[in-house]
Protein backbone atom coordinates (compact mmCIF):
# COMPACT_ATOMS: atom_id res chain seq x y z
CA UNK A 1 38.65 67.30 -75.21
CA UNK A 2 39.44 64.51 -77.70
CA UNK A 3 39.12 61.93 -74.92
CA UNK A 4 35.67 63.25 -73.98
CA UNK A 5 34.61 63.26 -77.63
CA UNK A 6 35.77 59.66 -78.03
CA UNK A 7 33.95 58.61 -74.87
CA UNK A 8 30.76 60.18 -76.19
CA UNK A 9 31.15 58.47 -79.59
CA UNK A 10 31.67 55.11 -77.85
CA UNK A 11 28.71 55.70 -75.56
CA UNK A 12 26.44 56.66 -78.46
CA UNK A 13 27.48 53.56 -80.39
CA UNK A 14 26.88 51.35 -77.38
CA UNK A 15 23.49 52.81 -76.53
CA UNK A 16 22.32 52.40 -80.10
CA UNK A 17 23.83 49.06 -81.15
CA UNK A 18 25.05 46.98 -78.21
CA UNK A 19 21.66 45.42 -77.56
CA UNK A 20 20.08 45.63 -81.01
CA UNK A 21 23.14 44.31 -82.90
CA UNK A 22 25.12 42.67 -80.07
CA UNK A 23 28.12 44.82 -80.99
CA UNK A 24 30.53 46.89 -78.92
CA UNK A 25 33.25 49.40 -79.77
CA UNK A 26 36.65 49.01 -78.08
CA UNK A 27 39.61 51.37 -78.24
CA UNK A 28 43.28 50.89 -77.50
CA UNK A 29 44.05 48.24 -80.12
CA UNK A 30 47.38 48.08 -81.94
CA UNK A 31 45.47 47.56 -85.18
CA UNK A 32 41.80 47.96 -86.07
CA UNK A 33 39.84 44.71 -86.28
CA UNK A 34 36.27 43.42 -86.32
CA UNK A 35 35.59 40.13 -84.56
CA UNK A 36 32.16 38.51 -84.73
CA UNK A 37 30.72 36.79 -81.69
CA UNK A 38 31.77 33.14 -81.65
CA UNK A 39 30.03 31.95 -78.48
CA UNK A 40 26.67 32.55 -76.85
CA UNK A 41 26.71 35.62 -74.68
CA UNK A 42 29.68 37.14 -76.46
CA UNK A 43 29.36 40.47 -78.28
CA UNK A 44 30.72 41.25 -81.70
CA UNK A 45 33.69 43.57 -81.21
CA UNK A 46 34.92 46.50 -83.24
CA UNK A 47 38.47 47.39 -82.21
CA UNK A 48 39.87 50.75 -83.19
CA UNK A 49 43.49 51.86 -83.16
CA UNK A 50 44.82 53.25 -79.90
CA UNK A 51 42.50 56.09 -78.91
CA UNK A 52 42.14 57.74 -82.29
CA UNK A 53 38.77 59.29 -83.12
CA UNK A 54 39.42 58.83 -86.84
CA UNK A 55 40.06 55.12 -86.37
CA UNK A 56 36.86 54.69 -84.33
CA UNK A 57 34.77 56.53 -86.93
CA UNK A 58 36.38 54.59 -89.78
CA UNK A 59 35.75 51.20 -88.19
CA UNK A 60 32.16 52.18 -87.37
CA UNK A 61 31.73 53.18 -91.03
CA UNK A 62 32.89 49.73 -92.17
CA UNK A 63 30.47 48.09 -89.72
CA UNK A 64 27.58 50.29 -90.88
CA UNK A 65 28.21 49.25 -94.49
CA UNK A 66 28.71 45.52 -93.84
CA UNK A 67 25.72 43.31 -94.51
CA UNK A 68 24.56 40.48 -92.27
CA UNK A 69 26.79 37.84 -93.87
CA UNK A 70 29.88 40.04 -93.69
CA UNK A 71 29.23 40.74 -90.01
CA UNK A 72 29.65 36.99 -89.36
CA UNK A 73 33.24 37.09 -90.68
CA UNK A 74 36.44 38.35 -89.06
CA UNK A 75 37.20 41.81 -90.46
CA UNK A 76 34.01 41.39 -92.51
CA UNK A 77 35.88 38.93 -94.76
CA UNK A 78 37.67 41.74 -96.55
CA UNK A 79 40.96 41.25 -98.30
CA UNK A 80 43.70 43.40 -96.87
CA UNK A 81 47.08 43.83 -98.47
CA UNK A 82 49.45 45.48 -95.98
CA UNK A 83 51.50 48.62 -96.51
CA UNK A 84 53.77 48.39 -99.55
CA UNK A 85 51.02 47.75 -102.11
CA UNK A 86 51.74 48.06 -105.82
CA UNK A 87 49.93 50.67 -107.91
CA UNK A 88 47.38 48.03 -109.04
CA UNK A 89 46.85 46.75 -105.48
CA UNK A 90 46.42 50.34 -104.29
CA UNK A 91 43.74 50.94 -106.92
CA UNK A 92 41.80 47.93 -105.59
CA UNK A 93 42.21 49.23 -102.03
CA UNK A 94 40.97 52.69 -102.99
CA UNK A 95 37.93 51.29 -104.80
CA UNK A 96 36.99 49.31 -101.68
CA UNK A 97 37.61 52.26 -99.35
CA UNK A 98 35.59 54.98 -101.13
CA UNK A 99 32.30 54.33 -99.33
CA UNK A 100 33.77 53.73 -95.85
CA UNK A 101 35.86 56.90 -96.05
CA UNK A 102 32.93 58.96 -97.34
CA UNK A 103 30.85 57.72 -94.42
CA UNK A 104 33.72 58.35 -91.98
CA UNK A 105 33.83 61.92 -93.31
CA UNK A 106 30.13 62.40 -92.64
CA UNK A 107 30.57 61.06 -89.10
CA UNK A 108 33.55 63.40 -88.63
CA UNK A 109 31.49 66.40 -89.75
CA UNK A 110 28.74 65.39 -87.31
CA UNK A 111 31.11 65.35 -84.34
CA UNK A 112 33.30 68.29 -85.35
CA UNK A 113 36.38 66.21 -86.13
CA UNK A 114 38.81 66.79 -89.00
CA UNK A 115 38.62 64.16 -91.73
CA UNK A 116 41.78 63.00 -93.48
CA UNK A 117 41.75 60.65 -96.46
CA UNK A 118 43.82 57.56 -95.76
CA UNK A 119 45.71 55.93 -98.61
CA UNK A 120 47.12 53.52 -95.98
CA UNK A 121 50.19 52.78 -98.08
CA UNK A 122 53.15 54.70 -96.71
CA UNK A 123 55.75 52.29 -98.07
CA UNK A 124 54.06 51.53 -101.38
CA UNK A 125 54.81 52.60 -104.90
CA UNK A 126 51.85 54.97 -104.71
CA UNK A 127 53.56 57.26 -102.21
CA UNK A 128 52.19 60.63 -103.34
CA UNK A 129 49.26 60.21 -100.96
CA UNK A 130 45.70 59.45 -101.97
CA UNK A 131 45.07 59.59 -105.71
CA UNK A 132 42.93 62.36 -107.16
CA UNK A 133 40.48 59.70 -108.39
CA UNK A 134 40.17 58.30 -104.87
CA UNK A 135 39.71 61.71 -103.30
CA UNK A 136 37.08 62.69 -105.88
CA UNK A 137 35.30 59.35 -105.39
CA UNK A 138 35.00 60.03 -101.67
CA UNK A 139 33.60 63.52 -102.36
CA UNK A 140 31.13 62.17 -104.93
CA UNK A 141 29.91 59.42 -102.58
CA UNK A 142 29.39 61.79 -99.65
CA UNK A 143 27.49 64.20 -101.90
CA UNK A 144 25.39 61.34 -103.24
CA UNK A 145 24.38 60.39 -99.71
CA UNK A 146 23.50 64.04 -99.07
CA UNK A 147 21.40 64.49 -102.20
CA UNK A 148 19.78 61.33 -103.46
CA UNK A 149 21.13 57.99 -102.34
CA UNK A 150 19.81 56.75 -99.01
CA UNK A 151 22.38 56.16 -96.33
CA UNK A 152 22.62 52.56 -95.14
CA UNK A 153 20.17 52.22 -92.21
CA UNK A 154 22.72 51.81 -89.38
CA UNK A 155 24.77 54.67 -90.80
CA UNK A 156 21.70 56.93 -90.90
CA UNK A 157 20.89 56.10 -87.28
CA UNK A 158 24.45 56.70 -86.08
CA UNK A 159 24.82 59.92 -88.07
CA UNK A 160 21.59 61.21 -86.53
CA UNK A 161 22.78 60.27 -83.02
CA UNK A 162 26.14 61.99 -83.56
CA UNK A 163 24.47 65.07 -85.03
CA UNK A 164 22.10 65.34 -82.08
CA UNK A 165 24.80 64.79 -79.46
CA UNK A 166 27.26 67.23 -81.02
CA UNK A 167 24.69 69.80 -82.13
CA UNK A 168 25.50 69.56 -85.82
CA UNK A 169 22.28 69.87 -87.76
CA UNK A 170 23.59 70.18 -91.32
CA UNK A 171 25.65 67.00 -91.74
CA UNK A 172 23.63 66.02 -94.83
CA UNK A 173 24.44 69.35 -96.55
CA UNK A 174 26.74 68.70 -99.50
CA UNK A 175 28.57 71.98 -98.93
CA UNK A 176 30.60 70.17 -96.25
CA UNK A 177 31.89 67.69 -98.79
CA UNK A 178 34.13 69.56 -101.21
CA UNK A 179 37.46 68.40 -102.60
CA UNK A 180 39.12 71.51 -101.20
CA UNK A 181 38.02 70.52 -97.68
CA UNK A 182 39.81 67.16 -97.69
CA UNK A 183 42.97 67.27 -95.61
């Protein structure tokens, strides 16, 4: 079932963005990575970890949020401090990850997949899992996109495609996005 869901997600992404944004989604990677096209005829590539739905949705969320200049840079030009971050480094990570994880959550709701907040710092000093501030920020951002703030255009298109394909019509209902529902 998960394999079929992932194939559908990949197919929907491809049908919507491969031609219009010259971008493809590729699974099976050891680590997630975005690589811009560097030669004529080459597609931009979004690699997601192994065959994990959450990884695919998360990397798509980053791509949907990245502007044109960022999409010209490897991994969108983002700073990444590996596992083992200090409390201060973790706070910077969480601030940068609020929007992508809120968008990943909306994509997960659309395709009937469980969303889990990722603190991505198993060996760090901040080992109690995601902070309450981070978790609440993700909730607040998702609710904002449901109620007032417009979704970024590519995110709105992909969310609509997922919702249609998976038969989930209420993905923009803020009742889905409650602190108690975060795993």
